[in-house]
Structure formats: structure tokens, C-alpha cells
PDB file of N, CA and C in Angstrom:
ATOM      1  N   MET A   1     -36.367   4.842 -23.972  1.00  0.00           N
ATOM      2  CA  MET A   1     -37.227   4.671 -25.035  1.00  0.00           C
ATOM      3  C   MET A   1     -37.146   3.027 -25.329  1.00  0.00           C
ATOM      4  N   PRO A   2     -38.415   2.471 -24.910  1.00  0.00           N
ATOM      5  CA  PRO A   2     -38.435   1.009 -25.137  1.00  0.00           C
ATOM      6  C   PRO A   2     -38.440   0.585 -26.596  1.00  0.00           C
ATOM      7  N   ALA A   3     -37.843  -0.607 -26.912  1.00  0.00           N
ATOM      8  CA  ALA A   3     -37.827  -1.015 -28.350  1.00  0.00           C
ATOM      9  C   ALA A   3     -38.046  -2.530 -28.432  1.00  0.00           C
ATOM     10  N   ALA A   4     -38.781  -2.914 -29.337  1.00  0.00           N
ATOM     11  CA  ALA A   4     -38.939  -4.440 -29.647  1.00  0.00           C
ATOM     12  C   ALA A   4     -37.988  -4.973 -30.698  1.00  0.00           C
ATOM     13  N   GLY A   5     -37.261  -3.982 -31.363  1.00  0.00           N
ATOM     14  CA  GLY A   5     -36.252  -4.399 -32.411  1.00  0.00           C
ATOM     15  C   GLY A   5     -35.264  -3.293 -32.613  1.00  0.00           C
ATOM     16  N   ALA A   6     -34.779  -3.176 -33.761  1.00  0.00           N
ATOM     17  CA  ALA A   6     -33.721  -2.354 -34.078  1.00  0.00           C
ATOM     18  C   ALA A   6     -34.189  -0.850 -33.944  1.00  0.00           C
ATOM     19  N   MET A   7     -33.346   0.065 -33.524  1.00  0.00           N
ATOM     20  CA  MET A   7     -33.626   1.349 -33.464  1.00  0.00           C
ATOM     21  C   MET A   7     -32.784   2.007 -34.598  1.00  0.00           C
ATOM     22  N   LEU A   8     -33.418   2.687 -35.399  1.00  0.00           N
ATOM     23  CA  LEU A   8     -32.816   3.443 -36.582  1.00  0.00           C
ATOM     24  C   LEU A   8     -33.404   4.766 -36.654  1.00  0.00           C
ATOM     25  N   PHE A   9     -32.593   5.799 -36.671  1.00  0.00           N
ATOM     26  CA  PHE A   9     -33.010   7.202 -36.722  1.00  0.00           C
ATOM     27  C   PHE A   9     -32.476   7.893 -37.857  1.00  0.00           C
ATOM     28  N   ASN A  10     -33.384   8.857 -38.526  1.00  0.00           N
ATOM     29  CA  ASN A  10     -32.901   9.734 -39.501  1.00  0.00           C
ATOM     30  C   ASN A  10     -32.376  10.960 -38.811  1.00  0.00           C
ATOM     31  N   LEU A  11     -31.152  11.084 -38.523  1.00  0.00           N
ATOM     32  CA  LEU A  11     -30.598  12.171 -37.804  1.00  0.00           C
ATOM     33  C   LEU A  11     -30.706  13.576 -38.554  1.00  0.00           C
ATOM     34  N   TYR A  12     -30.821  13.431 -39.851  1.00  0.00           N
ATOM     35  CA  TYR A  12     -30.986  14.646 -40.617  1.00  0.00           C
ATOM     36  C   TYR A  12     -32.376  15.251 -40.398  1.00  0.00           C
ATOM     37  N   ALA A  13     -33.439  14.449 -40.420  1.00  0.00           N
ATOM     38  CA  ALA A  13     -34.746  14.931 -40.177  1.00  0.00           C
ATOM     39  C   ALA A  13     -35.307  14.929 -38.835  1.00  0.00           C
ATOM     40  N   ASP A  14     -34.507  14.150 -37.894  1.00  0.00           N
ATOM     41  CA  ASP A  14     -34.918  14.121 -36.455  1.00  0.00           C
ATOM     42  C   ASP A  14     -33.650  14.028 -35.580  1.00  0.00           C
ATOM     43  N   PRO A  15     -32.998  15.254 -35.444  1.00  0.00           N
ATOM     44  CA  PRO A  15     -31.738  15.132 -34.753  1.00  0.00           C
ATOM     45  C   PRO A  15     -31.955  14.755 -33.291  1.00  0.00           C
ATOM     46  N   GLN A  16     -33.224  14.945 -32.632  1.00  0.00           N
ATOM     47  CA  GLN A  16     -33.347  14.588 -31.148  1.00  0.00           C
ATOM     48  C   GLN A  16     -33.568  13.131 -31.039  1.00  0.00           C
ATOM     49  N   GLU A  17     -33.755  12.337 -32.100  1.00  0.00           N
ATOM     50  CA  GLU A  17     -33.791  10.955 -32.110  1.00  0.00           C
ATOM     51  C   GLU A  17     -35.213  10.558 -31.368  1.00  0.00           C
ATOM     52  N   THR A  18     -36.241  11.156 -31.754  1.00  0.00           N
ATOM     53  CA  THR A  18     -37.526  11.121 -31.096  1.00  0.00           C
ATOM     54  C   THR A  18     -38.364   9.940 -31.808  1.00  0.00           C
ATOM     55  N   ASP A  19     -38.125   9.756 -33.113  1.00  0.00           N
ATOM     56  CA  ASP A  19     -39.015   8.939 -33.900  1.00  0.00           C
ATOM     57  C   ASP A  19     -38.198   7.893 -34.544  1.00  0.00           C
ATOM     58  N   SER A  20     -38.182   6.453 -34.170  1.00  0.00           N
ATOM     59  CA  SER A  20     -37.519   5.609 -34.824  1.00  0.00           C
ATOM     60  C   SER A  20     -38.103   5.142 -36.087  1.00  0.00           C
ATOM     61  N   ILE A  21     -37.174   4.932 -37.059  1.00  0.00           N
ATOM     62  CA  ILE A  21     -37.774   4.441 -38.356  1.00  0.00           C
ATOM     63  C   ILE A  21     -37.298   3.034 -38.767  1.00  0.00           C
ATOM     64  N   GLY A  22     -36.833   2.399 -37.603  1.00  0.00           N
ATOM     65  CA  GLY A  22     -36.284   1.058 -37.823  1.00  0.00           C
ATOM     66  C   GLY A  22     -37.355   0.056 -38.361  1.00  0.00           C
ATOM     67  N   ILE A  23     -38.539   0.130 -37.780  1.00  0.00           N
ATOM     68  CA  ILE A  23     -39.702  -0.891 -38.249  1.00  0.00           C
ATOM     69  C   ILE A  23     -39.959  -0.784 -39.768  1.00  0.00           C
ATOM     70  N   ARG A  24     -39.819   0.334 -40.242  1.00  0.00           N
ATOM     71  CA  ARG A  24     -40.105   0.528 -41.765  1.00  0.00           C
ATOM     72  C   ARG A  24     -38.936  -0.174 -42.511  1.00  0.00           C
ATOM     73  N   HIS A  25     -37.741  -0.284 -42.154  1.00  0.00           N
ATOM     74  CA  HIS A  25     -36.804  -0.984 -42.790  1.00  0.00           C
ATOM     75  C   HIS A  25     -36.409  -2.376 -42.524  1.00  0.00           C
ATOM     76  N   THR A  26     -37.211  -3.023 -41.599  1.00  0.00           N
ATOM     77  CA  THR A  26     -37.108  -4.406 -41.103  1.00  0.00           C
ATOM     78  C   THR A  26     -37.134  -5.495 -42.206  1.00  0.00           C
ATOM     79  N   PRO A  27     -38.225  -5.180 -43.356  1.00  0.00           N
ATOM     80  CA  PRO A  27     -38.199  -6.214 -44.366  1.00  0.00           C
ATOM     81  C   PRO A  27     -36.922  -6.277 -45.174  1.00  0.00           C
ATOM     82  N   MET A  28     -36.124  -5.276 -45.200  1.00  0.00           N
ATOM     83  CA  MET A  28     -34.956  -5.154 -46.044  1.00  0.00           C
ATOM     84  C   MET A  28     -33.811  -5.974 -45.420  1.00  0.00           C
ATOM     85  N   GLY A  29     -33.840  -6.474 -44.036  1.00  0.00           N
ATOM     86  CA  GLY A  29     -32.858  -6.936 -43.250  1.00  0.00           C
ATOM     87  C   GLY A  29     -32.382  -8.297 -43.966  1.00  0.00           C
ATOM     88  N   VAL A  30     -33.157  -9.196 -44.340  1.00  0.00           N
ATOM     89  CA  VAL A  30     -32.672 -10.584 -44.950  1.00  0.00           C
ATOM     90  C   VAL A  30     -32.092 -10.292 -46.241  1.00  0.00           C
ATOM     91  N   PRO A  31     -32.654  -9.601 -47.263  1.00  0.00           N
ATOM     92  CA  PRO A  31     -32.067  -9.464 -48.544  1.00  0.00           C
ATOM     93  C   PRO A  31     -30.656  -8.707 -48.353  1.00  0.00           C
ATOM     94  N   LEU A  32     -30.547  -7.799 -47.492  1.00  0.00           N
ATOM     95  CA  LEU A  32     -29.435  -6.884 -47.280  1.00  0.00           C
ATOM     96  C   LEU A  32     -28.343  -7.841 -46.816  1.00  0.00           C
ATOM     97  N   THR A  33     -28.792  -8.717 -45.762  1.00  0.00           N
ATOM     98  CA  THR A  33     -27.754  -9.581 -45.227  1.00  0.00           C
ATOM     99  C   THR A  33     -27.234 -10.650 -46.081  1.00  0.00           C
ATOM    100  N   VAL A  34     -28.019 -11.078 -46.980  1.00  0.00           N
ATOM    101  CA  VAL A  34     -27.631 -12.035 -48.183  1.00  0.00           C
ATOM    102  C   VAL A  34     -26.496 -11.243 -49.077  1.00  0.00           C
ATOM    103  N   GLU A  35     -26.788  -9.926 -49.419  1.00  0.00           N
ATOM    104  CA  GLU A  35     -25.937  -9.294 -50.358  1.00  0.00           C
ATOM    105  C   GLU A  35     -24.686  -8.902 -49.576  1.00  0.00           C
ATOM    106  N   ILE A  36     -24.657  -8.596 -48.277  1.00  0.00           N
ATOM    107  CA  ILE A  36     -23.522  -8.323 -47.658  1.00  0.00           C
ATOM    108  C   ILE A  36     -22.583  -9.533 -47.573  1.00  0.00           C
ATOM    109  N   GLU A  37     -23.074 -10.774 -47.295  1.00  0.00           N
ATOM    110  CA  GLU A  37     -22.254 -11.972 -47.184  1.00  0.00           C
ATOM    111  C   GLU A  37     -21.692 -12.346 -48.567  1.00  0.00           C
ATOM    112  N   GLU A  38     -22.585 -12.049 -49.729  1.00  0.00           N
ATOM    113  CA  GLU A  38     -21.857 -12.332 -51.049  1.00  0.00           C
ATOM    114  C   GLU A  38     -20.755 -11.373 -51.223  1.00  0.00           C
ATOM    115  N   TYR A  39     -20.893 -10.066 -50.757  1.00  0.00           N
ATOM    116  CA  TYR A  39     -19.851  -8.983 -50.947  1.00  0.00           C
ATOM    117  C   TYR A  39     -18.550  -9.386 -50.205  1.00  0.00           C
ATOM    118  N   LYS A  40     -18.651  -9.866 -48.970  1.00  0.00           N
ATOM    119  CA  LYS A  40     -17.747 -10.471 -48.316  1.00  0.00           C
ATOM    120  C   LYS A  40     -16.825 -11.531 -48.994  1.00  0.00           C
ATOM    121  N   LYS A  41     -17.622 -12.514 -49.599  1.00  0.00           N
ATOM    122  CA  LYS A  41     -17.108 -13.642 -50.368  1.00  0.00           C
ATOM    123  C   LYS A  41     -16.308 -12.876 -51.506  1.00  0.00           C
ATOM    124  N   ILE A  42     -16.675 -11.970 -52.277  1.00  0.00           N
ATOM    125  CA  ILE A  42     -16.155 -11.216 -53.394  1.00  0.00           C
ATOM    126  C   ILE A  42     -14.781 -10.652 -52.840  1.00  0.00           C
ATOM    127  N   LEU A  43     -14.837  -9.973 -51.678  1.00  0.00           N
ATOM    128  CA  LEU A  43     -13.698  -9.290 -51.185  1.00  0.00           C
ATOM    129  C   LEU A  43     -12.493 -10.331 -50.716  1.00  0.00           C
ATOM    130  N   GLN A  44     -12.980 -11.467 -50.259  1.00  0.00           N
ATOM    131  CA  GLN A  44     -11.912 -12.515 -49.961  1.00  0.00           C
ATOM    132  C   GLN A  44     -11.224 -12.971 -51.161  1.00  0.00           C
ATOM    133  N   LYS A  45     -12.102 -13.128 -52.244  1.00  0.00           N
ATOM    134  CA  LYS A  45     -11.496 -13.734 -53.479  1.00  0.00           C
ATOM    135  C   LYS A  45     -10.713 -12.588 -54.209  1.00  0.00           C
ATOM    136  N   TYR A  46     -11.174 -11.417 -54.167  1.00  0.00           N
ATOM    137  CA  TYR A  46     -10.383 -10.282 -54.832  1.00  0.00           C
ATOM    138  C   TYR A  46     -10.248  -9.252 -53.804  1.00  0.00           C
ATOM    139  N   PRO A  47      -9.160  -9.366 -52.782  1.00  0.00           N
ATOM    140  CA  PRO A  47      -9.018  -8.191 -51.806  1.00  0.00           C
ATOM    141  C   PRO A  47      -8.585  -6.840 -52.538  1.00  0.00           C
ATOM    142  N   PRO A  48      -9.063  -5.761 -51.855  1.00  0.00           N
ATOM    143  CA  PRO A  48      -8.715  -4.424 -52.305  1.00  0.00           C
ATOM    144  C   PRO A  48      -7.196  -4.264 -52.203  1.00  0.00           C
ATOM    145  N   LYS A  49      -6.753  -3.588 -53.285  1.00  0.00           N
ATOM    146  CA  LYS A  49      -5.207  -3.257 -53.333  1.00  0.00           C
ATOM    147  C   LYS A  49      -4.997  -1.948 -52.738  1.00  0.00           C
ATOM    148  N   THR A  50      -5.955  -1.276 -52.396  1.00  0.00           N
ATOM    149  CA  THR A  50      -5.686   0.173 -51.842  1.00  0.00           C
ATOM    150  C   THR A  50      -5.234   0.065 -50.428  1.00  0.00           C
ATOM    151  N   GLN A  51      -4.152   0.854 -50.047  1.00  0.00           N
ATOM    152  CA  GLN A  51      -3.725   0.718 -48.678  1.00  0.00           C
ATOM    153  C   GLN A  51      -4.154   2.019 -48.004  1.00  0.00           C
ATOM    154  N   ILE A  52      -4.551   1.935 -46.857  1.00  0.00           N
ATOM    155  CA  ILE A  52      -4.925   3.158 -46.010  1.00  0.00           C
ATOM    156  C   ILE A  52      -3.754   3.598 -45.087  1.00  0.00           C
ATOM    157  N   LYS A  53      -3.293   4.769 -45.168  1.00  0.00           N
ATOM    158  CA  LYS A  53      -2.147   5.203 -44.408  1.00  0.00           C
ATOM    159  C   LYS A  53      -2.728   5.754 -43.103  1.00  0.00           C
ATOM    160  N   SER A  54      -1.996   5.338 -41.913  1.00  0.00           N
ATOM    161  CA  SER A  54      -2.453   5.829 -40.689  1.00  0.00           C
ATOM    162  C   SER A  54      -1.593   6.803 -40.129  1.00  0.00           C
TER     163      SER A  54
END
């Protein structure tokens, strides 16, 4: 399946991955990236105290 950008599938509605919905969500890439970077800064300043046991 050729793609010009990100491939994003709704596996609940399309489990065979025949219809990419990535292009519909492309405009959210920049604002989402900005928010993720801000959240990373918050996590560095206030690291989570929860420990995950393996």
C-alpha cells in the first residue's frame, strides 16, 4: 500500500487495514507535538513517583 505520509488505521472499524485515516489527522500533528514537548518538560520537573514492578 503506497503512502505519501503517515499511515493510521482505525482497527476497530477496519481490522483489515484497508482504509488509512492518517490524512484526516495530519493538521493535528503540530499542536499535538507542541503539547507532548510541554508534557515532557513537566515530567522532567515533576517526575512520577509511581514505580512499576517487573
